[in-house]
Amino acid sequence: MTLGYYDRGATPFYACRLDQRFSYCLYVPEDYDEAADERYRLIVAVHGTNRPASEYRDVFAAFAREQQCIVLAPLFPVGVTGPFELNDYKFISYGGVRFDHVLISMADEVAERYRIHDRWLMHGFSGGGHFTHRFLMLHPDRLLAASIGAPGMVTRLDRTLPWWTGIADVRERFGIDVDPAAMAAVAVQMVVGADDVATWEITLSEDDPRWVPGANDAGRTRIERIVALRESFEAHGIAVRLDTVPGAHHEGWKLIPAVTEFFGEVLSADHPPSTTTSAPPATSAPPAPPEPSAPSAPSAPSAPPRPLDQGV
C-alpha cells in the first residue's frame, strides 16, 4: 500500500477493523521512507479518563522524530460497554470487550502499513496507567518497555486475591497465566507526581461496581499505591525504576520528560549509538500543552477541578 499525504506526520483517527467502536491516531515521522529497510519502534500512548488521545500523540512527536519511532494513541470512548461508562478499558476485560485484543489489533494494522518492531514502548497515565500495568502482566512479550503513570488502583502479583486487585483468577478470566519471568524481561518505569496525594477519586466503597476484596489495601494515595505495586513487582524479580516528579500533582503532562528520558535510555541500550547522534532524551519532550480546567466529577462535588488528563 502506497502511503499518502495523511499517512505521515499527525494522522487522522482510524477506526479499528476488529471493532469500529474504537479508533486510533498516529504520529509518523515526516521523513519515513517506504523504500528503506530500517524498522521503527512503536510508542503506544494510552490516555487517561478524560481521553486526550491526540494530545498524547502530539506530546511524544518530537521524541519520535529524534528516536525513529511511530506513535500510536488509541481512543477508548466513554459509553461503549454501558451508558456513560468511564472506566471499562482500565481493567482490560469489561462488558464483553477485551480491550487488550483491541489494542493488539490496532498495532497489527500499523504493522501492515509501516515497518515496526514486534515489541513496543508503552506509557499510560492515570487510567492509562491502569491499562499499562495490567497489559504488561498479560502480554509481556509485546513490550520492550512499560511506563506506568500514577494509576489510582493497582493489581499486585498476589495469587490470593481476585482480579483486579490480584491475579488469582487470571487463567479463568483471560486464558493466560501471569509469568513474572517474562515480565522481568521488560524495562519498567513507574512514575508519579510528588504532590499526587488526593484520595477522593480512588477510594472505593463496597457498593461501587468496581469494588473487589482488597480494593483499598495498597495504600491511601496514588504514591502509596505505586510504591506497593513496585514492591510487588520487585518481590517477583522484576526491576522497577520509580520516578517521583517534584511539583506535580495528578498532572500527566508534567511526567512526560521523565518518561521520554526513560524511553531514551531503553532505546540506547537496545541500539547502542553508532555514527548518528540523537538529542539527549531528557530534553526531547516538547513543551506541555495547556491544561484547561474541567468541571468537578458530578459524583464527588467536593473534588477539585481537573487538569486536562486527570482521572483514576
Protein backbone atom coordinates (compact mmCIF):
# COMPACT_ATOMS: atom_id res chain seq x y z
CA MET A 1 0.00 0.00 0.00
CA THR A 2 1.45 3.35 -1.03
CA LEU A 3 1.42 5.96 1.71
CA GLY A 4 -0.44 9.20 1.03
CA TYR A 5 -0.26 12.74 2.33
CA TYR A 6 -2.21 11.97 5.52
CA ASP A 7 -0.16 8.86 6.35
CA ARG A 8 2.84 10.80 7.70
CA GLY A 9 3.04 13.37 10.44
CA ALA A 10 -0.02 13.63 12.68
CA THR A 11 -2.59 11.36 11.07
CA PRO A 12 -6.40 11.34 11.28
CA PHE A 13 -8.15 8.87 13.55
CA TYR A 14 -8.63 5.42 12.02
CA ALA A 15 -11.44 3.06 13.01
CA CYS A 16 -10.11 -0.23 14.37
CA ARG A 17 -11.05 -3.01 11.99
CA LEU A 18 -11.57 -5.51 14.81
CA ASP A 19 -14.20 -3.28 16.43
CA GLN A 20 -15.06 0.03 14.81
CA ARG A 21 -16.34 1.48 18.08
CA PHE A 22 -12.65 2.11 18.82
CA SER A 23 -10.15 4.22 16.91
CA TYR A 24 -6.56 5.39 16.98
CA CYS A 25 -4.32 8.10 15.58
CA LEU A 26 -0.63 8.02 14.72
CA TYR A 27 2.41 10.19 14.51
CA VAL A 28 4.73 9.00 11.73
CA PRO A 29 7.98 10.91 11.18
CA GLU A 30 7.69 13.04 8.07
CA ASP A 31 10.88 11.55 6.62
CA TYR A 32 9.60 7.95 6.86
CA ASP A 33 10.78 6.29 3.62
CA GLU A 34 8.69 3.45 2.23
CA ALA A 35 11.64 2.23 0.16
CA ALA A 36 14.05 1.94 3.10
CA ASP A 37 14.68 -1.13 5.25
CA GLU A 38 15.04 0.10 8.83
CA ARG A 39 12.28 -0.64 11.29
CA TYR A 40 10.76 1.80 13.76
CA ARG A 41 9.84 1.31 17.39
CA LEU A 42 6.18 1.77 18.23
CA ILE A 43 5.29 4.03 21.16
CA VAL A 44 1.80 3.27 22.47
CA ALA A 45 0.44 6.23 24.48
CA VAL A 46 -2.69 5.26 26.44
CA HIS A 47 -4.96 8.10 27.56
CA GLY A 48 -6.49 8.65 30.98
CA THR A 49 -10.13 9.12 31.91
CA ASN A 50 -10.51 12.43 30.01
CA ARG A 51 -9.44 10.68 26.78
CA PRO A 52 -6.97 13.25 25.33
CA ALA A 53 -5.64 10.71 22.81
CA SER A 54 -4.42 13.12 20.14
CA GLU A 55 -2.68 15.28 22.75
CA TYR A 56 -0.71 12.24 23.92
CA ARG A 57 0.19 11.50 20.31
CA ASP A 58 1.42 15.08 19.91
CA VAL A 59 3.41 15.24 23.13
CA PHE A 60 5.55 12.27 22.01
CA ALA A 61 6.02 13.52 18.41
CA ALA A 62 9.36 15.31 18.84
CA PHE A 63 10.82 12.34 20.70
CA ALA A 64 9.56 10.01 17.96
CA ARG A 65 11.23 12.12 15.26
CA GLU A 66 14.55 12.03 17.08
CA GLN A 67 14.45 8.35 18.00
CA GLN A 68 12.91 6.86 14.82
CA CYS A 69 9.63 5.81 16.41
CA ILE A 70 5.98 5.82 15.40
CA VAL A 71 3.39 6.86 17.99
CA LEU A 72 0.06 5.04 18.32
CA ALA A 73 -2.59 6.68 20.52
CA PRO A 74 -5.73 4.56 20.96
CA LEU A 75 -9.11 6.06 21.80
CA PHE A 76 -11.40 4.02 24.05
CA PRO A 77 -14.57 6.17 24.09
CA VAL A 78 -16.86 6.65 27.06
CA GLY A 79 -20.04 4.60 27.00
CA VAL A 80 -19.05 1.60 24.87
CA THR A 81 -19.91 -1.05 27.45
CA GLY A 82 -22.73 0.88 29.12
CA PRO A 83 -24.21 4.39 29.25
CA PHE A 84 -21.57 6.90 30.37
CA GLU A 85 -19.19 4.09 31.41
CA LEU A 86 -15.81 5.76 32.03
CA ASN A 87 -13.62 3.02 33.44
CA ASP A 88 -14.06 -0.12 31.35
CA TYR A 89 -10.78 -0.15 29.40
CA LYS A 90 -8.72 0.25 32.57
CA PHE A 91 -9.50 -3.31 33.67
CA ILE A 92 -8.67 -4.93 30.28
CA SER A 93 -11.80 -7.08 30.13
CA TYR A 94 -15.15 -5.44 30.79
CA GLY A 95 -18.68 -5.73 29.47
CA GLY A 96 -17.74 -8.39 26.95
CA VAL A 97 -14.89 -6.35 25.42
CA ARG A 98 -11.24 -7.42 25.57
CA PHE A 99 -9.50 -4.07 25.37
CA ASP A 100 -6.08 -5.73 25.13
CA HIS A 101 -7.19 -7.50 21.95
CA VAL A 102 -8.46 -4.21 20.53
CA LEU A 103 -5.08 -2.56 21.07
CA ILE A 104 -3.18 -5.52 19.62
CA SER A 105 -5.40 -5.35 16.55
CA MET A 106 -4.60 -1.63 16.17
CA ALA A 107 -0.88 -2.35 16.34
CA ASP A 108 -1.24 -5.15 13.80
CA GLU A 109 -2.91 -2.69 11.43
CA VAL A 110 0.02 -0.30 11.86
CA ALA A 111 2.43 -3.15 11.12
CA GLU A 112 0.65 -3.78 7.81
CA ARG A 113 1.46 -0.25 6.64
CA TYR A 114 4.76 0.61 8.33
CA ARG A 115 7.94 -1.24 9.26
CA ILE A 116 7.81 -1.60 13.05
CA HIS A 117 9.50 -3.81 15.60
CA ASP A 118 7.45 -6.50 17.31
CA ARG A 119 7.98 -5.13 20.84
CA TRP A 120 6.64 -1.72 21.79
CA LEU A 121 7.22 1.08 24.26
CA MET A 122 4.02 1.80 26.22
CA HIS A 123 3.13 4.69 28.50
CA GLY A 124 -0.17 5.32 30.23
CA PHE A 125 -1.08 7.92 32.81
CA SER A 126 -3.84 7.57 35.41
CA GLY A 127 -6.48 5.40 33.67
CA GLY A 128 -3.78 4.66 31.10
CA GLY A 129 -1.51 3.57 33.96
CA HIS A 130 -4.19 1.09 34.98
CA PHE A 131 -4.23 -0.31 31.46
CA THR A 132 -0.44 -0.35 31.04
CA HIS A 133 0.49 -2.38 34.12
CA ARG A 134 -2.30 -4.89 33.51
CA PHE A 135 -1.39 -5.22 29.82
CA LEU A 136 2.21 -5.86 30.92
CA MET A 137 1.03 -8.73 33.12
CA LEU A 138 -0.94 -10.33 30.29
CA HIS A 139 1.31 -9.58 27.29
CA PRO A 140 4.94 -9.04 28.34
CA ASP A 141 6.06 -10.49 25.02
CA ARG A 142 4.59 -7.44 23.26
CA LEU A 143 6.60 -4.88 25.22
CA LEU A 144 10.17 -3.64 25.25
CA ALA A 145 9.35 -1.09 27.95
CA ALA A 146 6.36 -0.14 30.10
CA SER A 147 5.98 3.26 31.76
CA ILE A 148 3.22 3.12 34.37
CA GLY A 149 1.97 6.58 35.32
CA ALA A 150 0.04 7.17 38.57
CA PRO A 151 -2.68 4.51 38.42
CA GLY A 152 -5.39 5.07 41.01
CA MET A 153 -5.96 1.35 41.59
CA VAL A 154 -3.28 -1.28 41.21
CA THR A 155 -3.09 -5.01 40.53
CA ARG A 156 -0.41 -6.67 42.61
CA LEU A 157 1.12 -10.03 41.78
CA ASP A 158 -0.89 -11.62 44.58
CA ARG A 159 -2.26 -15.10 43.86
CA THR A 160 -4.60 -14.96 46.89
CA LEU A 161 -6.69 -12.05 45.56
CA PRO A 162 -9.04 -12.00 42.55
CA TRP A 163 -8.65 -9.75 39.54
CA TRP A 164 -8.26 -6.76 39.56
CA THR A 165 -6.53 -6.42 42.95
CA GLY A 166 -4.63 -9.68 42.45
CA ILE A 167 -4.09 -12.40 39.86
CA ALA A 168 -5.69 -15.49 41.45
CA ASP A 169 -8.23 -15.98 38.67
CA VAL A 170 -6.32 -14.65 35.65
CA ARG A 171 -6.27 -18.02 33.90
CA GLU A 172 -10.06 -18.34 34.21
CA ARG A 173 -10.70 -14.75 33.08
CA PHE A 174 -8.16 -14.32 30.31
CA GLY A 175 -6.90 -17.77 29.34
CA ILE A 176 -3.39 -16.53 30.18
CA ASP A 177 -1.02 -17.24 33.06
CA VAL A 178 0.91 -14.30 34.51
CA ASP A 179 4.63 -15.02 34.03
CA PRO A 180 6.84 -12.83 36.24
CA ALA A 181 9.97 -14.11 34.49
CA ALA A 182 8.66 -12.84 31.15
CA MET A 183 7.68 -9.54 32.79
CA ALA A 184 11.24 -9.22 34.11
CA ALA A 185 12.49 -9.06 30.50
CA VAL A 186 10.59 -5.77 30.05
CA ALA A 187 12.10 -2.46 31.20
CA VAL A 188 9.65 -1.00 33.74
CA GLN A 189 9.21 2.56 34.94
CA MET A 190 6.68 3.73 37.50
CA VAL A 191 6.17 7.49 37.61
CA VAL A 192 4.03 9.73 39.80
CA GLY A 193 3.86 13.36 40.88
CA ALA A 194 5.40 14.13 44.25
CA ASP A 195 2.22 16.02 45.22
CA ASP A 196 -0.26 13.45 43.86
CA VAL A 197 -1.95 12.83 47.20
CA ALA A 198 -5.70 13.35 46.58
CA THR A 199 -7.80 10.34 47.53
CA TRP A 200 -11.35 11.37 46.59
CA GLU A 201 -11.35 9.52 43.26
CA ILE A 202 -9.51 6.34 44.19
CA THR A 203 -11.07 5.22 47.49
CA LEU A 204 -13.80 2.67 46.73
CA SER A 205 -16.78 1.79 48.89
CA GLU A 206 -18.22 -1.72 48.83
CA ASP A 207 -21.24 -0.54 46.82
CA ASP A 208 -19.02 0.73 43.99
CA PRO A 209 -19.31 -1.59 40.95
CA ARG A 210 -15.51 -1.66 40.73
CA TRP A 211 -15.06 -2.86 44.30
CA VAL A 212 -13.42 -6.23 44.90
CA PRO A 213 -11.70 -7.61 48.01
CA GLY A 214 -8.50 -5.68 48.67
CA ALA A 215 -9.60 -2.65 46.63
CA ASN A 216 -8.12 -0.11 49.05
CA ASP A 217 -5.41 -2.21 50.66
CA ALA A 218 -2.45 -1.00 48.57
CA GLY A 219 -2.43 2.44 50.24
CA ARG A 220 -4.40 5.68 50.52
CA THR A 221 -2.80 7.80 47.80
CA ARG A 222 -1.52 7.13 44.31
CA ILE A 223 2.02 7.50 45.65
CA GLU A 224 1.46 4.82 48.28
CA ARG A 225 -0.21 2.56 45.76
CA ILE A 226 2.51 2.84 43.13
CA VAL A 227 5.11 2.06 45.81
CA ALA A 228 3.09 -1.04 46.75
CA LEU A 229 2.97 -2.03 43.08
CA ARG A 230 6.74 -1.61 42.79
CA GLU A 231 7.29 -3.74 45.89
CA SER A 232 5.07 -6.46 44.44
CA PHE A 233 6.99 -6.43 41.17
CA GLU A 234 10.39 -6.44 42.85
CA ALA A 235 9.36 -9.33 45.12
CA HIS A 236 8.88 -11.34 41.92
CA GLY A 237 12.24 -10.41 40.40
CA ILE A 238 11.01 -7.54 38.19
CA ALA A 239 13.29 -4.50 38.29
CA VAL A 240 11.47 -1.16 38.53
CA ARG A 241 12.65 2.41 38.06
CA LEU A 242 10.48 4.70 40.23
CA ASP A 243 10.39 8.40 39.30
CA THR A 244 8.67 10.87 41.65
CA VAL A 245 8.34 14.19 39.83
CA PRO A 246 8.69 17.30 42.04
CA GLY A 247 5.94 19.90 41.82
CA ALA A 248 3.47 17.61 40.05
CA HIS A 249 0.01 16.80 41.35
CA HIS A 250 -2.13 14.43 39.25
CA GLU A 251 -0.88 16.08 36.06
CA GLY A 252 0.16 13.74 33.28
CA TRP A 253 1.93 16.26 31.08
CA LYS A 254 4.39 17.12 33.86
CA LEU A 255 5.55 13.49 33.91
CA ILE A 256 6.40 13.32 30.20
CA PRO A 257 10.06 14.46 30.49
CA ALA A 258 10.75 11.62 32.93
CA VAL A 259 9.02 9.19 30.57
CA THR A 260 10.98 10.26 27.47
CA GLU A 261 14.20 10.12 29.48
CA PHE A 262 13.38 6.53 30.43
CA PHE A 263 12.39 5.59 26.88
CA GLY A 264 15.56 7.19 25.54
CA GLU A 265 17.69 5.09 27.88
CA VAL A 266 15.83 1.93 26.85
CA LEU A 267 16.34 2.68 23.16
CA SER A 268 20.02 3.49 23.69
CA ALA A 269 20.52 0.15 25.40
CA ASP A 270 18.58 -1.61 22.65
CA HIS A 271 20.53 0.13 19.86
CA PRO A 272 23.90 1.48 21.05
CA PRO A 273 24.87 4.76 19.35
CA SER A 274 26.65 4.46 16.01
CA THR A 275 27.60 7.34 13.73
CA THR A 276 24.26 9.09 14.24
CA THR A 277 23.78 11.11 17.39
CA SER A 278 20.32 11.73 18.80
CA ALA A 279 19.39 14.61 21.04
CA PRO A 280 19.62 13.84 24.78
CA PRO A 281 16.44 12.04 25.82
CA ALA A 282 15.90 14.17 28.92
CA THR A 283 15.31 17.26 26.78
CA SER A 284 13.40 15.64 23.96
CA ALA A 285 9.89 16.10 25.29
CA PRO A 286 8.07 19.07 23.72
CA PRO A 287 6.58 21.80 25.91
CA ALA A 288 3.49 20.54 27.70
CA PRO A 289 0.24 21.54 26.01
CA PRO A 290 -2.09 23.77 28.02
CA GLU A 291 -4.18 22.06 30.63
CA PRO A 292 -7.55 23.81 30.87
CA SER A 293 -9.63 23.05 33.92
CA ALA A 294 -12.59 20.71 33.61
CA PRO A 295 -15.61 20.65 35.93
CA SER A 296 -15.51 18.54 39.05
CA ALA A 297 -16.80 15.00 38.74
CA PRO A 298 -20.55 15.09 39.37
CA SER A 299 -20.44 12.16 41.78
CA ALA A 300 -17.97 13.96 44.01
CA PRO A 301 -18.98 17.61 44.42
CA SER A 302 -16.07 18.37 46.73
CA ALA A 303 -13.48 17.25 44.19
CA PRO A 304 -11.06 19.89 42.84
CA PRO A 305 -11.17 21.00 39.19
CA ARG A 306 -9.28 18.58 36.94
CA PRO A 307 -6.46 19.45 34.55
CA LEU A 308 -6.63 18.07 31.00
CA ASP A 309 -5.73 14.45 31.71
CA GLN A 310 -6.66 13.79 35.28
CA GLY A 311 -8.61 10.74 36.31
CA VAL A 312 -8.39 7.48 38.13
